Amino acid sequence: MKITADTNVLVRAITGDDERQSRIAQRELARAEMVALALSTLCELSWVLSRGYKTPAGEIAETIRRLIDGANVAVNRPAVQAGLALLEAGGDFADGVIAFEGAWLGAEAFVSFDKQAVKLLKARGESARLLS
């Protein structure tokens, strides 16, 4: 079966914080013909691991890489790579994904009130503008 994994399924499979649900989640992901990972799911996953589980950014990046490298995983790899690049530069995974997807949709600049996001995107050579 081809499935789309919700964030809570990924969290259970990764953290093992609920033994029963973790086994179920891991089994479902492993036996699926294809696991679709939506960008919003990976953004939520990054946030939950960072805020809820206090997981360091490097570990979150490695976790996301292991997920997307699964043989049965379908994901927008360029958008995920943009998110990982910003995460590893000290920013938020979601901001990298948002900037990438906006550019893909035809936007000329990322605009935000988030000083750090704008600074990191500019450092990567991307068009970004701080609103004030």
N, C-alpha and C. Protein backbone atom coordinates (compact mmCIF):
# COMPACT_ATOMS: atom_id res chain seq x y z
N MET A 1 0.84 -1.17 0.00
CA MET A 1 0.00 0.00 0.00
C MET A 1 0.89 1.24 0.00
N LYS A 2 0.45 2.27 -0.69
CA LYS A 2 1.12 3.57 -0.69
C LYS A 2 0.44 4.44 0.34
N ILE A 3 1.25 5.03 1.24
CA ILE A 3 0.68 5.79 2.35
C ILE A 3 1.31 7.18 2.46
N THR A 4 0.60 8.07 3.11
CA THR A 4 1.13 9.35 3.55
C THR A 4 1.23 9.27 5.06
N ALA A 5 2.42 9.49 5.58
CA ALA A 5 2.64 9.39 7.03
C ALA A 5 2.37 10.73 7.69
N ASP A 6 1.52 10.71 8.71
CA ASP A 6 1.27 11.90 9.52
C ASP A 6 2.46 12.12 10.45
N THR A 7 2.60 13.33 10.93
CA THR A 7 3.70 13.68 11.82
C THR A 7 3.73 12.78 13.04
N ASN A 8 2.56 12.49 13.63
CA ASN A 8 2.56 11.67 14.86
C ASN A 8 3.08 10.26 14.60
N VAL A 9 2.89 9.74 13.41
CA VAL A 9 3.43 8.42 13.06
C VAL A 9 4.96 8.49 13.02
N LEU A 10 5.49 9.53 12.40
CA LEU A 10 6.94 9.68 12.34
C LEU A 10 7.54 9.88 13.73
N VAL A 11 6.89 10.71 14.54
CA VAL A 11 7.38 10.95 15.90
C VAL A 11 7.42 9.65 16.69
N ARG A 12 6.34 8.86 16.63
CA ARG A 12 6.31 7.59 17.36
C ARG A 12 7.42 6.66 16.85
N ALA A 13 7.59 6.57 15.53
CA ALA A 13 8.59 5.66 14.97
C ALA A 13 10.01 6.08 15.35
N ILE A 14 10.24 7.37 15.42
CA ILE A 14 11.59 7.89 15.70
C ILE A 14 11.92 7.88 17.17
N THR A 15 11.00 8.35 18.01
CA THR A 15 11.33 8.55 19.42
C THR A 15 11.14 7.31 20.28
N GLY A 16 10.23 6.44 19.87
CA GLY A 16 9.95 5.26 20.69
C GLY A 16 9.33 5.61 22.02
N ASP A 17 8.72 6.78 22.11
CA ASP A 17 8.19 7.25 23.39
C ASP A 17 6.92 6.53 23.85
N ASP A 18 6.29 5.83 22.95
CA ASP A 18 5.14 4.99 23.29
C ASP A 18 5.42 3.64 22.65
N GLU A 19 5.77 2.67 23.47
CA GLU A 19 6.26 1.38 22.97
C GLU A 19 5.30 0.74 21.97
N ARG A 20 4.03 0.67 22.29
CA ARG A 20 3.05 0.04 21.42
C ARG A 20 2.89 0.79 20.10
N GLN A 21 2.66 2.12 20.20
CA GLN A 21 2.49 2.90 18.98
C GLN A 21 3.77 2.96 18.16
N SER A 22 4.90 2.95 18.81
CA SER A 22 6.18 2.97 18.09
C SER A 22 6.35 1.73 17.23
N ARG A 23 6.03 0.57 17.79
CA ARG A 23 6.11 -0.68 17.02
C ARG A 23 5.17 -0.64 15.83
N ILE A 24 3.95 -0.17 16.05
CA ILE A 24 2.96 -0.10 14.98
C ILE A 24 3.44 0.85 13.88
N ALA A 25 3.93 2.02 14.28
CA ALA A 25 4.40 3.02 13.31
C ALA A 25 5.58 2.48 12.50
N GLN A 26 6.54 1.89 13.17
CA GLN A 26 7.71 1.35 12.48
C GLN A 26 7.32 0.25 11.51
N ARG A 27 6.42 -0.62 11.92
CA ARG A 27 5.96 -1.71 11.06
C ARG A 27 5.24 -1.16 9.82
N GLU A 28 4.37 -0.18 10.04
CA GLU A 28 3.60 0.40 8.92
C GLU A 28 4.53 1.08 7.91
N LEU A 29 5.50 1.83 8.40
CA LEU A 29 6.44 2.51 7.51
C LEU A 29 7.30 1.52 6.74
N ALA A 30 7.73 0.47 7.41
CA ALA A 30 8.60 -0.52 6.78
C ALA A 30 7.89 -1.34 5.71
N ARG A 31 6.64 -1.66 5.92
CA ARG A 31 5.97 -2.54 4.96
C ARG A 31 5.21 -1.79 3.87
N ALA A 32 5.16 -0.49 3.94
CA ALA A 32 4.48 0.29 2.90
C ALA A 32 5.27 0.19 1.59
N GLU A 33 4.54 0.09 0.51
CA GLU A 33 5.17 0.10 -0.81
C GLU A 33 5.83 1.47 -1.05
N MET A 34 5.13 2.52 -0.62
CA MET A 34 5.63 3.88 -0.76
C MET A 34 5.13 4.69 0.42
N VAL A 35 6.03 5.52 0.98
CA VAL A 35 5.67 6.44 2.07
C VAL A 35 5.86 7.86 1.54
N ALA A 36 4.77 8.59 1.40
CA ALA A 36 4.83 9.98 0.97
C ALA A 36 5.07 10.85 2.21
N LEU A 37 6.11 11.67 2.15
CA LEU A 37 6.41 12.59 3.24
C LEU A 37 6.14 14.01 2.74
N ALA A 38 5.04 14.57 3.20
CA ALA A 38 4.68 15.93 2.81
C ALA A 38 5.63 16.92 3.48
N LEU A 39 5.88 18.03 2.82
CA LEU A 39 6.77 19.05 3.39
C LEU A 39 6.24 19.55 4.73
N SER A 40 4.93 19.72 4.83
CA SER A 40 4.36 20.20 6.09
C SER A 40 4.62 19.19 7.21
N THR A 41 4.60 17.93 6.90
CA THR A 41 4.87 16.90 7.90
C THR A 41 6.31 17.01 8.41
N LEU A 42 7.24 17.20 7.49
CA LEU A 42 8.64 17.32 7.90
C LEU A 42 8.89 18.62 8.67
N CYS A 43 8.18 19.69 8.31
CA CYS A 43 8.29 20.94 9.08
C CYS A 43 7.77 20.72 10.51
N GLU A 44 6.63 20.07 10.62
CA GLU A 44 6.09 19.77 11.96
C GLU A 44 7.03 18.86 12.74
N LEU A 45 7.57 17.85 12.07
CA LEU A 45 8.49 16.92 12.72
C LEU A 45 9.69 17.67 13.29
N SER A 46 10.27 18.55 12.50
CA SER A 46 11.41 19.33 12.96
C SER A 46 11.04 20.15 14.19
N TRP A 47 9.89 20.78 14.15
CA TRP A 47 9.44 21.61 15.27
C TRP A 47 9.21 20.76 16.52
N VAL A 48 8.51 19.63 16.37
CA VAL A 48 8.21 18.76 17.51
C VAL A 48 9.50 18.22 18.14
N LEU A 49 10.43 17.77 17.30
CA LEU A 49 11.67 17.25 17.85
C LEU A 49 12.48 18.34 18.55
N SER A 50 12.48 19.53 17.96
CA SER A 50 13.23 20.64 18.55
C SER A 50 12.60 21.15 19.84
N ARG A 51 11.33 21.46 19.78
CA ARG A 51 10.66 22.09 20.92
C ARG A 51 10.20 21.08 21.96
N GLY A 52 9.59 20.01 21.49
CA GLY A 52 9.02 19.04 22.43
C GLY A 52 10.03 18.08 23.01
N TYR A 53 10.99 17.67 22.20
CA TYR A 53 11.95 16.66 22.65
C TYR A 53 13.35 17.23 22.87
N LYS A 54 13.49 18.54 22.62
CA LYS A 54 14.78 19.23 22.84
C LYS A 54 15.93 18.56 22.08
N THR A 55 15.63 18.07 20.89
CA THR A 55 16.63 17.41 20.06
C THR A 55 17.49 18.47 19.38
N PRO A 56 18.81 18.33 19.42
CA PRO A 56 19.69 19.30 18.76
C PRO A 56 19.48 19.31 17.24
N ALA A 57 19.74 20.45 16.63
CA ALA A 57 19.53 20.63 15.19
C ALA A 57 20.27 19.58 14.36
N GLY A 58 21.50 19.26 14.73
CA GLY A 58 22.27 18.26 13.98
C GLY A 58 21.61 16.90 13.98
N GLU A 59 21.03 16.52 15.11
CA GLU A 59 20.34 15.23 15.19
C GLU A 59 19.04 15.26 14.38
N ILE A 60 18.36 16.40 14.39
CA ILE A 60 17.14 16.52 13.59
C ILE A 60 17.48 16.39 12.11
N ALA A 61 18.54 17.06 11.68
CA ALA A 61 18.96 16.99 10.28
C ALA A 61 19.29 15.54 9.90
N GLU A 62 20.02 14.85 10.76
CA GLU A 62 20.38 13.45 10.47
C GLU A 62 19.13 12.58 10.42
N THR A 63 18.19 12.81 11.31
CA THR A 63 16.93 12.05 11.32
C THR A 63 16.17 12.25 10.02
N ILE A 64 16.06 13.50 9.59
CA ILE A 64 15.35 13.79 8.34
C ILE A 64 16.06 13.15 7.16
N ARG A 65 17.39 13.21 7.15
CA ARG A 65 18.15 12.56 6.06
C ARG A 65 17.89 11.05 6.03
N ARG A 66 17.90 10.41 7.19
CA ARG A 66 17.63 8.96 7.23
C ARG A 66 16.23 8.67 6.70
N LEU A 67 15.27 9.51 7.07
CA LEU A 67 13.90 9.32 6.59
C LEU A 67 13.82 9.42 5.08
N ILE A 68 14.36 10.49 4.51
CA ILE A 68 14.21 10.70 3.07
C ILE A 68 15.06 9.74 2.24
N ASP A 69 16.06 9.12 2.87
CA ASP A 69 16.88 8.15 2.15
C ASP A 69 16.28 6.75 2.12
N GLY A 70 15.12 6.58 2.76
CA GLY A 70 14.45 5.28 2.73
C GLY A 70 14.09 4.89 1.30
N ALA A 71 14.27 3.63 0.99
CA ALA A 71 14.02 3.14 -0.37
C ALA A 71 12.57 3.33 -0.81
N ASN A 72 11.65 3.38 0.14
CA ASN A 72 10.23 3.48 -0.20
C ASN A 72 9.65 4.88 0.03
N VAL A 73 10.53 5.89 0.14
CA VAL A 73 10.08 7.24 0.48
C VAL A 73 9.99 8.13 -0.76
N ALA A 74 8.88 8.86 -0.85
CA ALA A 74 8.70 9.88 -1.89
C ALA A 74 8.63 11.22 -1.20
N VAL A 75 9.45 12.18 -1.65
CA VAL A 75 9.52 13.49 -1.01
C VAL A 75 10.06 14.50 -2.01
N ASN A 76 9.76 15.75 -1.80
CA ASN A 76 10.30 16.83 -2.62
C ASN A 76 11.72 17.09 -2.12
N ARG A 77 12.68 16.38 -2.67
CA ARG A 77 14.06 16.43 -2.19
C ARG A 77 14.70 17.82 -2.24
N PRO A 78 14.54 18.58 -3.33
CA PRO A 78 15.16 19.91 -3.34
C PRO A 78 14.63 20.81 -2.21
N ALA A 79 13.34 20.74 -1.93
CA ALA A 79 12.78 21.55 -0.84
C ALA A 79 13.31 21.08 0.51
N VAL A 80 13.41 19.79 0.69
CA VAL A 80 13.94 19.25 1.95
C VAL A 80 15.41 19.65 2.11
N GLN A 81 16.18 19.59 1.04
CA GLN A 81 17.59 19.99 1.11
C GLN A 81 17.72 21.46 1.49
N ALA A 82 16.82 22.31 0.97
CA ALA A 82 16.83 23.73 1.34
C ALA A 82 16.52 23.89 2.83
N GLY A 83 15.57 23.12 3.33
CA GLY A 83 15.25 23.16 4.75
C GLY A 83 16.41 22.70 5.61
N LEU A 84 17.07 21.62 5.18
CA LEU A 84 18.22 21.10 5.93
C LEU A 84 19.37 22.10 5.94
N ALA A 85 19.58 22.76 4.81
CA ALA A 85 20.67 23.74 4.73
C ALA A 85 20.45 24.87 5.73
N LEU A 86 19.23 25.35 5.83
CA LEU A 86 18.96 26.44 6.77
C LEU A 86 19.03 25.94 8.21
N LEU A 87 18.52 24.74 8.47
CA LEU A 87 18.58 24.15 9.81
C LEU A 87 20.03 24.02 10.26
N GLU A 88 20.87 23.53 9.38
CA GLU A 88 22.27 23.31 9.74
C GLU A 88 23.06 24.63 9.85
N ALA A 89 22.51 25.70 9.27
CA ALA A 89 23.15 27.02 9.39
C ALA A 89 22.69 27.74 10.66
N GLY A 90 21.81 27.11 11.43
CA GLY A 90 21.35 27.70 12.68
C GLY A 90 19.94 28.25 12.62
N GLY A 91 19.25 28.03 11.51
CA GLY A 91 17.88 28.52 11.36
C GLY A 91 16.85 27.42 11.51
N ASP A 92 15.66 27.72 11.03
CA ASP A 92 14.55 26.77 11.11
C ASP A 92 14.39 26.02 9.80
N PHE A 93 14.19 24.73 9.89
CA PHE A 93 13.93 23.88 8.72
C PHE A 93 12.79 24.46 7.90
N ALA A 94 11.71 24.84 8.56
CA ALA A 94 10.52 25.33 7.86
C ALA A 94 10.82 26.59 7.05
N ASP A 95 11.64 27.49 7.55
CA ASP A 95 11.96 28.71 6.81
C ASP A 95 12.69 28.38 5.51
N GLY A 96 13.57 27.42 5.55
CA GLY A 96 14.27 27.00 4.32
C GLY A 96 13.31 26.41 3.31
N VAL A 97 12.38 25.59 3.78
CA VAL A 97 11.37 24.99 2.91
C VAL A 97 10.47 26.08 2.32
N ILE A 98 10.04 27.00 3.16
CA ILE A 98 9.14 28.08 2.72
C ILE A 98 9.82 28.94 1.65
N ALA A 99 11.07 29.32 1.89
CA ALA A 99 11.80 30.14 0.92
C ALA A 99 11.97 29.40 -0.40
N PHE A 100 12.31 28.13 -0.33
CA PHE A 100 12.49 27.33 -1.54
C PHE A 100 11.18 27.23 -2.32
N GLU A 101 10.13 26.87 -1.62
CA GLU A 101 8.85 26.68 -2.30
C GLU A 101 8.32 28.00 -2.88
N GLY A 102 8.53 29.09 -2.16
CA GLY A 102 8.13 30.39 -2.68
C GLY A 102 8.85 30.73 -3.98
N ALA A 103 10.16 30.49 -4.00
CA ALA A 103 10.94 30.74 -5.22
C ALA A 103 10.46 29.83 -6.35
N TRP A 104 10.18 28.59 -6.03
CA TRP A 104 9.68 27.63 -7.02
C TRP A 104 8.36 28.10 -7.61
N LEU A 105 7.55 28.76 -6.78
CA LEU A 105 6.25 29.26 -7.24
C LEU A 105 6.38 30.59 -8.00
N GLY A 106 7.58 31.16 -8.02
CA GLY A 106 7.80 32.37 -8.79
C GLY A 106 8.08 33.62 -7.98
N ALA A 107 8.17 33.51 -6.66
CA ALA A 107 8.47 34.68 -5.83
C ALA A 107 9.88 35.18 -6.10
N GLU A 108 10.05 36.46 -5.98
CA GLU A 108 11.36 37.06 -6.19
C GLU A 108 12.13 37.26 -4.89
N ALA A 109 11.45 37.25 -3.76
CA ALA A 109 12.12 37.44 -2.48
C ALA A 109 11.31 36.82 -1.36
N PHE A 110 12.01 36.36 -0.36
CA PHE A 110 11.43 35.88 0.89
C PHE A 110 11.36 37.10 1.80
N VAL A 111 10.20 37.36 2.39
CA VAL A 111 10.07 38.48 3.32
C VAL A 111 9.60 37.95 4.66
N SER A 112 10.14 38.55 5.74
CA SER A 112 9.82 38.05 7.07
C SER A 112 10.14 39.10 8.12
N PHE A 113 9.56 38.93 9.29
CA PHE A 113 9.93 39.71 10.46
C PHE A 113 11.04 38.99 11.24
N ASP A 114 11.39 37.78 10.81
CA ASP A 114 12.39 36.95 11.48
C ASP A 114 13.79 37.36 11.00
N LYS A 115 14.51 38.10 11.84
CA LYS A 115 15.84 38.62 11.48
C LYS A 115 16.81 37.49 11.14
N GLN A 116 16.77 36.43 11.94
CA GLN A 116 17.71 35.34 11.73
C GLN A 116 17.45 34.64 10.39
N ALA A 117 16.20 34.39 10.07
CA ALA A 117 15.88 33.72 8.81
C ALA A 117 16.36 34.55 7.63
N VAL A 118 16.09 35.84 7.66
CA VAL A 118 16.51 36.72 6.56
C VAL A 118 18.03 36.74 6.45
N LYS A 119 18.71 36.87 7.57
CA LYS A 119 20.18 36.90 7.58
C LYS A 119 20.76 35.61 7.00
N LEU A 120 20.24 34.47 7.43
CA LEU A 120 20.76 33.18 6.96
C LEU A 120 20.48 32.96 5.48
N LEU A 121 19.31 33.35 5.03
CA LEU A 121 18.98 33.20 3.61
C LEU A 121 19.86 34.10 2.75
N LYS A 122 20.07 35.33 3.18
CA LYS A 122 20.95 36.23 2.44
C LYS A 122 22.38 35.68 2.38
N ALA A 123 22.83 35.10 3.49
CA ALA A 123 24.16 34.51 3.53
C ALA A 123 24.31 33.37 2.53
N ARG A 124 23.18 32.73 2.20
CA ARG A 124 23.18 31.65 1.20
C ARG A 124 23.01 32.19 -0.22
N GLY A 125 22.94 33.52 -0.34
CA GLY A 125 22.80 34.12 -1.65
C GLY A 125 21.37 34.21 -2.15
N GLU A 126 20.44 34.00 -1.25
CA GLU A 126 19.03 34.06 -1.64
C GLU A 126 18.47 35.46 -1.39
N SER A 127 17.49 35.83 -2.17
CA SER A 127 16.86 37.13 -2.01
C SER A 127 15.90 37.08 -0.82
N ALA A 128 16.22 37.90 0.19
CA ALA A 128 15.39 37.93 1.40
C ALA A 128 15.38 39.36 1.93
N ARG A 129 14.25 39.74 2.50
CA ARG A 129 14.11 41.10 3.00
C ARG A 129 13.41 41.08 4.35
N LEU A 130 13.99 41.82 5.30
CA LEU A 130 13.43 41.95 6.63
C LEU A 130 12.37 43.05 6.61
N LEU A 131 11.20 42.75 7.11
CA LEU A 131 10.15 43.74 7.22
C LEU A 131 10.26 44.43 8.57
N SER A 132 10.08 45.74 8.57
CA SER A 132 10.15 46.47 9.84
C SER A 132 9.12 47.57 9.88
